[in-house]
C-alpha atoms as a PDB file:
ATOM      1  CA  UNK A   1     -15.139 -21.131  80.906  1.00  0.00           C
ATOM      2  CA  UNK A   2     -14.156 -17.586  81.817  1.00  0.00           C
ATOM      3  CA  UNK A   3     -16.211 -15.361  84.133  1.00  0.00           C
ATOM      4  CA  UNK A   4     -16.912 -12.942  81.299  1.00  0.00           C
ATOM      5  CA  UNK A   5     -18.336 -15.701  79.112  1.00  0.00           C
ATOM      6  CA  UNK A   6     -20.666 -16.897  81.869  1.00  0.00           C
ATOM      7  CA  UNK A   7     -21.958 -13.407  82.624  1.00  0.00           C
ATOM      8  CA  UNK A   8     -22.904 -12.556  79.018  1.00  0.00           C
ATOM      9  CA  UNK A   9     -26.028 -14.813  78.850  1.00  0.00           C
ATOM     10  CA  UNK A  10     -27.262 -13.370  82.165  1.00  0.00           C
ATOM     11  CA  UNK A  11     -26.822  -9.772  80.930  1.00  0.00           C
ATOM     12  CA  UNK A  12     -28.644 -10.537  77.684  1.00  0.00           C
ATOM     13  CA  UNK A  13     -31.522 -12.115  79.596  1.00  0.00           C
ATOM     14  CA  UNK A  14     -31.906  -9.037  81.822  1.00  0.00           C
ATOM     15  CA  UNK A  15     -31.760  -6.647  78.843  1.00  0.00           C
ATOM     16  CA  UNK A  16     -34.377  -8.615  76.917  1.00  0.00           C
ATOM     17  CA  UNK A  17     -36.678  -8.641  79.926  1.00  0.00           C
ATOM     18  CA  UNK A  18     -36.273  -4.899  80.396  1.00  0.00           C
ATOM     19  CA  UNK A  19     -37.068  -4.266  76.732  1.00  0.00           C
ATOM     20  CA  UNK A  20     -40.216  -6.398  76.936  1.00  0.00           C
ATOM     21  CA  UNK A  21     -41.464  -4.470  79.951  1.00  0.00           C
ATOM     22  CA  UNK A  22     -40.790  -1.121  78.245  1.00  0.00           C
ATOM     23  CA  UNK A  23     -42.648  -2.211  75.113  1.00  0.00           C
ATOM     24  CA  UNK A  24     -45.657  -3.400  77.132  1.00  0.00           C
ATOM     25  CA  UNK A  25     -46.213   0.002  78.673  1.00  0.00           C
ATOM     26  CA  UNK A  26     -49.014   2.035  77.109  1.00  0.00           C
ATOM     27  CA  UNK A  27     -49.135   5.845  76.977  1.00  0.00           C
ATOM     28  CA  UNK A  28     -50.965   7.485  79.848  1.00  0.00           C
ATOM     29  CA  UNK A  29     -54.524   8.455  78.901  1.00  0.00           C
ATOM     30  CA  UNK A  30     -55.658  11.535  80.796  1.00  0.00           C
ATOM     31  CA  UNK A  31     -59.171  12.912  80.991  1.00  0.00           C
ATOM     32  CA  UNK A  32     -59.417  16.406  79.481  1.00  0.00           C
ATOM     33  CA  UNK A  33     -61.062  18.766  81.966  1.00  0.00           C
ATOM     34  CA  UNK A  34     -62.861  22.121  81.630  1.00  0.00           C
ATOM     35  CA  UNK A  35     -62.836  24.183  84.831  1.00  0.00           C
ATOM     36  CA  UNK A  36     -63.913  27.585  86.160  1.00  0.00           C
ATOM     37  CA  UNK A  37     -61.917  29.505  88.769  1.00  0.00           C
ATOM     38  CA  UNK A  38     -63.251  32.576  90.596  1.00  0.00           C
ATOM     39  CA  UNK A  39     -60.869  35.062  92.226  1.00  0.00           C
ATOM     40  CA  UNK A  40     -62.089  37.099  95.203  1.00  0.00           C
ATOM     41  CA  UNK A  41     -60.471  40.332  96.305  1.00  0.00           C
ATOM     42  CA  UNK A  42     -61.355  39.770  99.963  1.00  0.00           C
ATOM     43  CA  UNK A  43     -59.476  36.459 100.103  1.00  0.00           C
ATOM     44  CA  UNK A  44     -55.663  36.178 100.432  1.00  0.00           C
ATOM     45  CA  UNK A  45     -53.943  35.230  97.140  1.00  0.00           C
ATOM     46  CA  UNK A  46     -53.096  31.562  96.677  1.00  0.00           C
ATOM     47  CA  UNK A  47     -51.414  29.620  93.900  1.00  0.00           C
ATOM     48  CA  UNK A  48     -53.946  27.859  91.668  1.00  0.00           C
ATOM     49  CA  UNK A  49     -53.013  24.437  90.315  1.00  0.00           C
ATOM     50  CA  UNK A  50     -52.973  24.151  86.545  1.00  0.00           C
ATOM     51  CA  UNK A  51     -52.694  20.583  85.272  1.00  0.00           C
ATOM     52  CA  UNK A  52     -50.624  20.289  82.087  1.00  0.00           C
ATOM     53  CA  UNK A  53     -49.271  17.290  80.183  1.00  0.00           C
ATOM     54  CA  UNK A  54     -46.955  16.484  77.305  1.00  0.00           C
ATOM     55  CA  UNK A  55     -48.344  17.415  73.844  1.00  0.00           C
ATOM     56  CA  UNK A  56     -51.609  18.663  75.365  1.00  0.00           C
ATOM     57  CA  UNK A  57     -52.916  22.213  74.809  1.00  0.00           C
ATOM     58  CA  UNK A  58     -54.199  24.088  77.852  1.00  0.00           C
ATOM     59  CA  UNK A  59     -56.240  27.249  77.168  1.00  0.00           C
ATOM     60  CA  UNK A  60     -56.844  29.743  79.993  1.00  0.00           C
ATOM     61  CA  UNK A  61     -59.363  32.553  79.370  1.00  0.00           C
ATOM     62  CA  UNK A  62     -59.856  35.604  81.571  1.00  0.00           C
ATOM     63  CA  UNK A  63     -62.958  37.772  81.980  1.00  0.00           C
ATOM     64  CA  UNK A  64     -60.740  40.877  82.306  1.00  0.00           C
ATOM     65  CA  UNK A  65     -57.786  42.086  80.189  1.00  0.00           C
ATOM     66  CA  UNK A  66     -54.332  40.886  81.228  1.00  0.00           C
ATOM     67  CA  UNK A  67     -50.827  42.251  80.618  1.00  0.00           C
ATOM     68  CA  UNK A  68     -49.112  39.834  78.169  1.00  0.00           C
ATOM     69  CA  UNK A  69     -45.655  41.135  79.192  1.00  0.00           C
ATOM     70  CA  UNK A  70     -46.257  40.005  82.770  1.00  0.00           C
ATOM     71  CA  UNK A  71     -45.901  36.351  81.750  1.00  0.00           C
ATOM     72  CA  UNK A  72     -42.296  35.214  82.298  1.00  0.00           C
ATOM     73  CA  UNK A  73     -41.670  32.957  79.304  1.00  0.00           C
ATOM     74  CA  UNK A  74     -38.188  31.993  80.511  1.00  0.00           C
ATOM     75  CA  UNK A  75     -39.773  30.103  83.415  1.00  0.00           C
ATOM     76  CA  UNK A  76     -41.865  28.085  80.958  1.00  0.00           C
ATOM     77  CA  UNK A  77     -39.207  27.476  78.299  1.00  0.00           C
ATOM     78  CA  UNK A  78     -37.822  24.171  79.676  1.00  0.00           C
ATOM     79  CA  UNK A  79     -41.236  22.460  79.616  1.00  0.00           C
ATOM     80  CA  UNK A  80     -43.370  24.168  76.953  1.00  0.00           C
ATOM     81  CA  UNK A  81     -43.027  24.214  73.157  1.00  0.00           C
ATOM     82  CA  UNK A  82     -45.710  26.859  72.753  1.00  0.00           C
ATOM     83  CA  UNK A  83     -46.660  29.876  74.871  1.00  0.00           C
ATOM     84  CA  UNK A  84     -49.171  32.339  73.388  1.00  0.00           C
ATOM     85  CA  UNK A  85     -50.409  35.294  75.441  1.00  0.00           C
ATOM     86  CA  UNK A  86     -53.162  37.579  74.201  1.00  0.00           C
ATOM     87  CA  UNK A  87     -55.347  40.287  75.734  1.00  0.00           C
ATOM     88  CA  UNK A  88     -57.518  37.824  77.645  1.00  0.00           C
ATOM     89  CA  UNK A  89     -56.253  34.366  76.633  1.00  0.00           C
ATOM     90  CA  UNK A  90     -53.235  32.248  77.606  1.00  0.00           C
ATOM     91  CA  UNK A  91     -52.423  29.153  75.514  1.00  0.00           C
ATOM     92  CA  UNK A  92     -49.844  26.602  76.671  1.00  0.00           C
ATOM     93  CA  UNK A  93     -48.602  23.422  74.985  1.00  0.00           C
ATOM     94  CA  UNK A  94     -46.269  21.292  77.093  1.00  0.00           C
ATOM     95  CA  UNK A  95     -43.385  19.515  75.385  1.00  0.00           C
ATOM     96  CA  UNK A  96     -43.052  17.120  78.320  1.00  0.00           C
ATOM     97  CA  UNK A  97     -44.680  16.183  81.610  1.00  0.00           C
ATOM     98  CA  UNK A  98     -43.535  18.510  84.382  1.00  0.00           C
ATOM     99  CA  UNK A  99     -41.278  16.521  86.742  1.00  0.00           C
ATOM    100  CA  UNK A 100     -42.275  16.316  90.387  1.00  0.00           C
ATOM    101  CA  UNK A 101     -40.489  18.933  92.444  1.00  0.00           C
ATOM    102  CA  UNK A 102     -39.759  21.075  89.347  1.00  0.00           C
ATOM    103  CA  UNK A 103     -43.192  22.719  89.022  1.00  0.00           C
ATOM    104  CA  UNK A 104     -42.836  26.277  87.629  1.00  0.00           C
ATOM    105  CA  UNK A 105     -44.898  29.142  89.043  1.00  0.00           C
ATOM    106  CA  UNK A 106     -46.578  31.456  86.542  1.00  0.00           C
ATOM    107  CA  UNK A 107     -47.852  34.922  87.492  1.00  0.00           C
ATOM    108  CA  UNK A 108     -50.317  36.841  85.312  1.00  0.00           C
ATOM    109  CA  UNK A 109     -51.021  40.500  86.011  1.00  0.00           C
ATOM    110  CA  UNK A 110     -54.362  42.113  85.173  1.00  0.00           C
ATOM    111  CA  UNK A 111     -54.461  45.353  83.201  1.00  0.00           C
ATOM    112  CA  UNK A 112     -55.905  48.501  84.761  1.00  0.00           C
ATOM    113  CA  UNK A 113     -57.133  48.979  88.291  1.00  0.00           C
ATOM    114  CA  UNK A 114     -59.187  46.581  90.352  1.00  0.00           C
ATOM    115  CA  UNK A 115     -58.582  43.660  92.633  1.00  0.00           C
ATOM    116  CA  UNK A 116     -57.050  41.205  92.684  1.00  0.00           C
ATOM    117  CA  UNK A 117     -54.180  42.721  90.709  1.00  0.00           C
ATOM    118  CA  UNK A 118     -52.690  39.362  89.681  1.00  0.00           C
ATOM    119  CA  UNK A 119     -53.216  35.623  89.729  1.00  0.00           C
ATOM    120  CA  UNK A 120     -50.601  32.912  90.266  1.00  0.00           C
ATOM    121  CA  UNK A 121     -50.580  29.376  88.852  1.00  0.00           C
ATOM    122  CA  UNK A 122     -48.413  26.397  89.739  1.00  0.00           C
ATOM    123  CA  UNK A 123     -48.030  24.174  86.650  1.00  0.00           C
ATOM    124  CA  UNK A 124     -48.022  20.502  87.500  1.00  0.00           C
ATOM    125  CA  UNK A 125     -48.650  17.143  85.834  1.00  0.00           C
ATOM    126  CA  UNK A 126     -50.951  14.493  87.304  1.00  0.00           C
ATOM    127  CA  UNK A 127     -51.729  11.023  86.037  1.00  0.00           C
ATOM    128  CA  UNK A 128     -55.523  11.151  85.845  1.00  0.00           C
ATOM    129  CA  UNK A 129     -56.361  14.419  84.078  1.00  0.00           C
ATOM    130  CA  UNK A 130     -55.187  17.474  82.166  1.00  0.00           C
ATOM    131  CA  UNK A 131     -56.792  20.926  82.051  1.00  0.00           C
ATOM    132  CA  UNK A 132     -57.984  21.512  78.491  1.00  0.00           C
ATOM    133  CA  UNK A 133     -59.910  24.720  79.132  1.00  0.00           C
ATOM    134  CA  UNK A 134     -59.867  26.916  82.238  1.00  0.00           C
ATOM    135  CA  UNK A 135     -61.987  30.048  82.709  1.00  0.00           C
ATOM    136  CA  UNK A 136     -60.756  32.577  85.271  1.00  0.00           C
ATOM    137  CA  UNK A 137     -63.277  35.065  86.660  1.00  0.00           C
ATOM    138  CA  UNK A 138     -61.645  38.048  88.305  1.00  0.00           C
ATOM    139  CA  UNK A 139     -64.808  39.564  89.728  1.00  0.00           C
ATOM    140  CA  UNK A 140     -66.902  37.462  92.060  1.00  0.00           C
ATOM    141  CA  UNK A 141     -70.568  37.660  91.069  1.00  0.00           C
ATOM    142  CA  UNK A 142     -73.305  38.518  93.569  1.00  0.00           C
ATOM    143  CA  UNK A 143     -76.458  36.486  94.077  1.00  0.00           C
ATOM    144  CA  UNK A 144     -78.340  39.172  92.145  1.00  0.00           C
ATOM    145  CA  UNK A 145     -75.930  38.871  89.208  1.00  0.00           C
ATOM    146  CA  UNK A 146     -76.262  35.096  89.198  1.00  0.00           C
ATOM    147  CA  UNK A 147     -80.070  35.357  89.350  1.00  0.00           C
ATOM    148  CA  UNK A 148     -80.131  37.659  86.329  1.00  0.00           C
ATOM    149  CA  UNK A 149     -77.765  35.400  84.434  1.00  0.00           C
ATOM    150  CA  UNK A 150     -79.939  32.381  85.241  1.00  0.00           C
ATOM    151  CA  UNK A 151     -83.070  34.191  84.040  1.00  0.00           C
ATOM    152  CA  UNK A 152     -81.337  35.131  80.785  1.00  0.00           C
ATOM    153  CA  UNK A 153     -80.162  31.549  80.272  1.00  0.00           C
ATOM    154  CA  UNK A 154     -83.661  30.169  80.895  1.00  0.00           C
ATOM    155  CA  UNK A 155     -85.138  32.572  78.358  1.00  0.00           C
ATOM    156  CA  UNK A 156     -82.498  31.650  75.815  1.00  0.00           C
ATOM    157  CA  UNK A 157     -82.998  27.946  76.482  1.00  0.00           C
ATOM    158  CA  UNK A 158     -86.730  28.326  75.879  1.00  0.00           C
ATOM    159  CA  UNK A 159     -86.063  29.933  72.497  1.00  0.00           C
ATOM    160  CA  UNK A 160     -83.473  27.304  71.586  1.00  0.00           C
ATOM    161  CA  UNK A 161     -85.741  24.451  72.669  1.00  0.00           C
ATOM    162  CA  UNK A 162     -88.536  25.750  70.431  1.00  0.00           C
ATOM    163  CA  UNK A 163     -86.120  25.751  67.506  1.00  0.00           C
ATOM    164  CA  UNK A 164     -84.842  22.296  68.393  1.00  0.00           C
ATOM    165  CA  UNK A 165     -88.386  20.911  68.467  1.00  0.00           C
ATOM    166  CA  UNK A 166     -88.747  21.875  64.814  1.00  0.00           C
ATOM    167  CA  UNK A 167     -85.351  20.410  63.969  1.00  0.00           C
ATOM    168  CA  UNK A 168     -86.192  17.129  65.739  1.00  0.00           C
ATOM    169  CA  UNK A 169     -89.308  16.789  63.618  1.00  0.00           C
ATOM    170  CA  UNK A 170     -87.249  17.429  60.505  1.00  0.00           C
ATOM    171  CA  UNK A 171     -84.548  14.965  61.532  1.00  0.00           C
ATOM    172  CA  UNK A 172     -87.191  12.247  61.893  1.00  0.00           C
ATOM    173  CA  UNK A 173     -87.811  12.708  58.150  1.00  0.00           C
ATOM    174  CA  UNK A 174     -84.274  13.323  56.931  1.00  0.00           C
ATOM    175  CA  UNK A 175     -82.973  13.399  53.393  1.00  0.00           C
ATOM    176  CA  UNK A 176     -84.506  14.794  50.228  1.00  0.00           C
ATOM    177  CA  UNK A 177     -87.670  12.731  50.642  1.00  0.00           C
ATOM    178  CA  UNK A 178     -88.114  14.050  54.156  1.00  0.00           C
ATOM    179  CA  UNK A 179     -87.640  17.621  52.926  1.00  0.00           C
ATOM    180  CA  UNK A 180     -90.419  17.068  50.378  1.00  0.00           C
ATOM    181  CA  UNK A 181     -92.742  15.561  53.012  1.00  0.00           C
ATOM    182  CA  UNK A 182     -92.039  18.437  55.397  1.00  0.00           C
ATOM    183  CA  UNK A 183     -92.823  20.973  52.689  1.00  0.00           C
ATOM    184  CA  UNK A 184     -89.318  22.420  52.726  1.00  0.00           C
ATOM    185  CA  UNK A 185     -88.836  21.486  49.079  1.00  0.00           C
ATOM    186  CA  UNK A 186     -91.731  22.163  46.668  1.00  0.00           C
ATOM    187  CA  UNK A 187     -92.085  22.097  42.879  1.00  0.00           C
ATOM    188  CA  UNK A 188     -90.828  25.679  42.890  1.00  0.00           C
ATOM    189  CA  UNK A 189     -87.381  24.288  43.701  1.00  0.00           C
ATOM    190  CA  UNK A 190     -84.409  25.714  45.584  1.00  0.00           C
ATOM    191  CA  UNK A 191     -82.598  28.931  44.696  1.00  0.00           C
ATOM    192  CA  UNK A 192     -78.945  29.447  45.612  1.00  0.00           C
ATOM    193  CA  UNK A 193     -77.340  32.814  46.312  1.00  0.00           C
ATOM    194  CA  UNK A 194     -73.774  33.673  47.331  1.00  0.00           C
ATOM    195  CA  UNK A 195     -73.622  36.558  49.801  1.00  0.00           C
ATOM    196  CA  UNK A 196     -71.223  39.186  48.512  1.00  0.00           C
ATOM    197  CA  UNK A 197     -71.063  41.192  51.724  1.00  0.00           C
ATOM    198  CA  UNK A 198     -67.828  40.533  53.601  1.00  0.00           C
ATOM    199  CA  UNK A 199     -68.608  39.303  57.142  1.00  0.00           C
ATOM    200  CA  UNK A 200     -67.520  41.240  60.215  1.00  0.00           C
ATOM    201  CA  UNK A 201     -65.398  39.163  62.572  1.00  0.00           C
ATOM    202  CA  UNK A 202     -66.241  39.156  66.279  1.00  0.00           C
ATOM    203  CA  UNK A 203     -63.639  36.575  67.205  1.00  0.00           C
ATOM    204  CA  UNK A 204     -64.114  34.084  64.340  1.00  0.00           C
ATOM    205  CA  UNK A 205     -63.518  34.056  60.574  1.00  0.00           C
ATOM    206  CA  UNK A 206     -66.024  32.996  57.895  1.00  0.00           C
ATOM    207  CA  UNK A 207     -64.734  31.905  54.516  1.00  0.00           C
ATOM    208  CA  UNK A 208     -66.372  33.963  51.773  1.00  0.00           C
ATOM    209  CA  UNK A 209     -68.756  33.726  50.154  1.00  0.00           C
ATOM    210  CA  UNK A 210     -71.366  31.983  52.340  1.00  0.00           C
ATOM    211  CA  UNK A 211     -74.275  30.282  50.566  1.00  0.00           C
ATOM    212  CA  UNK A 212     -77.933  31.186  51.135  1.00  0.00           C
ATOM    213  CA  UNK A 213     -80.468  28.532  50.083  1.00  0.00           C
ATOM    214  CA  UNK A 214     -84.101  29.567  49.565  1.00  0.00           C
ATOM    215  CA  UNK A 215     -87.192  27.416  49.143  1.00  0.00           C
ATOM    216  CA  UNK A 216     -90.801  28.519  49.231  1.00  0.00           C
ATOM    217  CA  UNK A 217     -91.018  28.297  53.027  1.00  0.00           C
ATOM    218  CA  UNK A 218     -87.470  27.793  54.313  1.00  0.00           C
ATOM    219  CA  UNK A 219     -84.117  29.565  54.314  1.00  0.00           C
ATOM    220  CA  UNK A 220     -80.698  28.108  55.192  1.00  0.00           C
ATOM    221  CA  UNK A 221     -77.308  29.791  55.289  1.00  0.00           C
ATOM    222  CA  UNK A 222     -74.116  27.729  55.145  1.00  0.00           C
ATOM    223  CA  UNK A 223     -70.583  28.977  55.738  1.00  0.00           C
ATOM    224  CA  UNK A 224     -67.159  27.622  56.649  1.00  0.00           C
ATOM    225  CA  UNK A 225     -66.224  28.941  60.088  1.00  0.00           C
ATOM    226  CA  UNK A 226     -62.556  29.110  61.124  1.00  0.00           C
ATOM    227  CA  UNK A 227     -61.207  29.333  64.682  1.00  0.00           C
ATOM    228  CA  UNK A 228     -57.813  31.032  64.641  1.00  0.00           C
ATOM    229  CA  UNK A 229     -54.704  29.454  66.117  1.00  0.00           C
ATOM    230  CA  UNK A 230     -54.199  30.746  69.647  1.00  0.00           C
ATOM    231  CA  UNK A 231     -57.888  31.344  70.276  1.00  0.00           C
ATOM    232  CA  UNK A 232     -60.059  29.597  72.839  1.00  0.00           C
ATOM    233  CA  UNK A 233     -62.132  26.582  71.713  1.00  0.00           C
ATOM    234  CA  UNK A 234     -65.374  27.679  70.028  1.00  0.00           C
ATOM    235  CA  UNK A 235     -68.612  25.958  71.071  1.00  0.00           C
ATOM    236  CA  UNK A 236     -71.559  26.593  68.704  1.00  0.00           C
ATOM    237  CA  UNK A 237     -74.398  28.505  70.315  1.00  0.00           C
ATOM    238  CA  UNK A 238     -77.097  30.266  68.286  1.00  0.00           C
ATOM    239  CA  UNK A 239     -77.781  32.554  65.348  1.00  0.00           C
ATOM    240  CA  UNK A 240     -79.434  35.931  65.847  1.00  0.00           C
ATOM    241  CA  UNK A 241     -81.600  37.329  63.030  1.00  0.00           C
ATOM    242  CA  UNK A 242     -82.318  41.048  63.604  1.00  0.00           C
ATOM    243  CA  UNK A 243     -84.625  42.812  61.076  1.00  0.00           C
ATOM    244  CA  UNK A 244     -83.498  46.359  60.223  1.00  0.00           C
ATOM    245  CA  UNK A 245     -85.751  49.424  60.050  1.00  0.00           C
ATOM    246  CA  UNK A 246     -88.005  51.535  62.332  1.00  0.00           C
ATOM    247  CA  UNK A 247     -91.019  49.157  62.289  1.00  0.00           C
ATOM    248  CA  UNK A 248     -89.072  45.930  62.146  1.00  0.00           C
ATOM    249  CA  UNK A 249     -90.225  42.916  64.217  1.00  0.00           C
ATOM    250  CA  UNK A 250     -88.083  41.678  67.144  1.00  0.00           C
ATOM    251  CA  UNK A 251     -84.943  39.629  66.649  1.00  0.00           C
ATOM    252  CA  UNK A 252     -85.043  35.841  66.340  1.00  0.00           C
ATOM    253  CA  UNK A 253     -82.554  33.427  67.933  1.00  0.00           C
ATOM    254  CA  UNK A 254     -82.061  30.114  66.153  1.00  0.00           C
ATOM    255  CA  UNK A 255     -79.915  27.027  66.870  1.00  0.00           C
ATOM    256  CA  UNK A 256     -76.737  26.425  64.901  1.00  0.00           C
ATOM    257  CA  UNK A 257     -76.052  23.128  63.146  1.00  0.00           C
ATOM    258  CA  UNK A 258     -72.500  21.760  63.083  1.00  0.00           C
ATOM    259  CA  UNK A 259     -71.266  18.185  62.753  1.00  0.00           C
ATOM    260  CA  UNK A 260     -68.611  18.562  65.477  1.00  0.00           C
ATOM    261  CA  UNK A 261     -69.212  19.635  69.080  1.00  0.00           C
ATOM    262  CA  UNK A 262     -66.617  22.407  69.086  1.00  0.00           C
ATOM    263  CA  UNK A 263     -63.817  23.994  67.083  1.00  0.00           C
ATOM    264  CA  UNK A 264     -60.408  23.767  68.695  1.00  0.00           C
ATOM    265  CA  UNK A 265     -57.809  26.461  67.921  1.00  0.00           C
ATOM    266  CA  UNK A 266     -56.813  26.195  64.258  1.00  0.00           C
ATOM    267  CA  UNK A 267     -59.812  24.031  63.272  1.00  0.00           C
ATOM    268  CA  UNK A 268     -62.631  24.778  60.821  1.00  0.00           C
ATOM    269  CA  UNK A 269     -66.069  23.337  60.035  1.00  0.00           C
ATOM    270  CA  UNK A 270     -69.242  24.078  58.096  1.00  0.00           C
ATOM    271  CA  UNK A 271     -71.951  25.818  60.122  1.00  0.00           C
ATOM    272  CA  UNK A 272     -75.605  26.009  59.019  1.00  0.00           C
ATOM    273  CA  UNK A 273     -78.540  28.042  60.342  1.00  0.00           C
ATOM    274  CA  UNK A 274     -82.074  27.404  59.137  1.00  0.00           C
ATOM    275  CA  UNK A 275     -85.202  29.501  59.547  1.00  0.00           C
ATOM    276  CA  UNK A 276     -88.711  29.763  58.142  1.00  0.00           C
ATOM    277  CA  UNK A 277     -89.577  32.526  55.720  1.00  0.00           C
ATOM    278  CA  UNK A 278     -90.745  35.698  57.494  1.00  0.00           C
ATOM    279  CA  UNK A 279     -94.127  36.536  55.879  1.00  0.00           C
ATOM    280  CA  UNK A 280     -94.718  39.639  58.014  1.00  0.00           C
ATOM    281  CA  UNK A 281     -91.434  41.216  57.002  1.00  0.00           C
ATOM    282  CA  UNK A 282     -92.009  44.253  54.738  1.00  0.00           C
ATOM    283  CA  UNK A 283     -90.744  43.808  51.203  1.00  0.00           C
ATOM    284  CA  UNK A 284     -87.122  44.844  50.805  1.00  0.00           C
ATOM    285  CA  UNK A 285     -86.365  44.649  54.533  1.00  0.00           C
ATOM    286  CA  UNK A 286     -82.890  43.404  55.305  1.00  0.00           C
ATOM    287  CA  UNK A 287     -81.642  41.667  58.446  1.00  0.00           C
ATOM    288  CA  UNK A 288     -78.431  41.510  60.440  1.00  0.00           C
ATOM    289  CA  UNK A 289     -77.330  37.891  60.784  1.00  0.00           C
ATOM    290  CA  UNK A 290     -74.954  36.809  63.570  1.00  0.00           C
ATOM    291  CA  UNK A 291     -73.474  33.359  64.225  1.00  0.00           C
ATOM    292  CA  UNK A 292     -72.393  33.210  67.875  1.00  0.00           C
ATOM    293  CA  UNK A 293     -70.874  30.823  70.409  1.00  0.00           C
ATOM    294  CA  UNK A 294     -72.679  29.450  73.467  1.00  0.00           C
ATOM    295  CA  UNK A 295     -71.927  32.653  75.423  1.00  0.00           C
ATOM    296  CA  UNK A 296     -73.154  34.941  72.675  1.00  0.00           C
ATOM    297  CA  UNK A 297     -69.734  36.622  72.405  1.00  0.00           C
ATOM    298  CA  UNK A 298     -67.546  35.248  69.606  1.00  0.00           C
ATOM    299  CA  UNK A 299     -68.637  34.723  66.042  1.00  0.00           C
ATOM    300  CA  UNK A 300     -69.247  36.527  62.745  1.00  0.00           C
ATOM    301  CA  UNK A 301     -71.838  39.047  61.538  1.00  0.00           C
ATOM    302  CA  UNK A 302     -73.378  40.134  58.249  1.00  0.00           C
ATOM    303  CA  UNK A 303     -75.036  43.547  58.464  1.00  0.00           C
ATOM    304  CA  UNK A 304     -77.288  43.404  55.378  1.00  0.00           C
ATOM    305  CA  UNK A 305     -78.829  40.091  54.380  1.00  0.00           C
ATOM    306  CA  UNK A 306     -82.003  39.764  52.331  1.00  0.00           C
ATOM    307  CA  UNK A 307     -83.828  36.813  53.971  1.00  0.00           C
END
């Protein structure tokens, strides 16, 4: 037997073993992280680690406007299939894991005056996690600012909790039978109206026309909300109902109902807000209705709604 003939079985055995090992490997599962980074003018600038991974979208939001042209896309081209830079948002989608020792450095410059003037990121891949959403705060907040923010959040939580208490009671008696028992549906039935007013976008898009359901005691508005591609993830927060007119009562804040926890960029879902009829509202009074995220910033608004 020749040497070549004796080596062939050995080579085949090694190749088959290598193939089996490769097939047994499972894709790396990384935990998606949401982080907050605060920049301080009095501290020397340092590179901030940004964890990216193949086929994962990393969204970085800034609390101050940035200069989109300051982002050097050529540095990112070898590793990223998508780079979107907006006024205060940076969206990255990696086409591959960044190899060790090849980590690119990304510099983002802020628009206008103020300090710090820029922020630097080193883009790296780690096994355990990937940054899904990162918030960058340019201005460090004082203890007084944080105290005011905490007080506002507590007040908002109290309002939301009151609304949730009602919703929990309703959920305990769900379905049409539960609606009858709760008094939300009476023999007078349910009327359906399509709002003809085009909504004003404050960062989101609502598919027209939204539907307003009315019963004797309850109102509910339903609309399809769309989060644009390239935007930050949208987390449902609350609806604000503001009566219009000189003697109008104060605004109401109500919880939003949505079957998913958040809308990623490019996703859409039905959003519902429910409220009780407002008996003290003068006849003919209209309200401004806003659907907002958890921060009260992004959403949609209708200026003239008859509740």
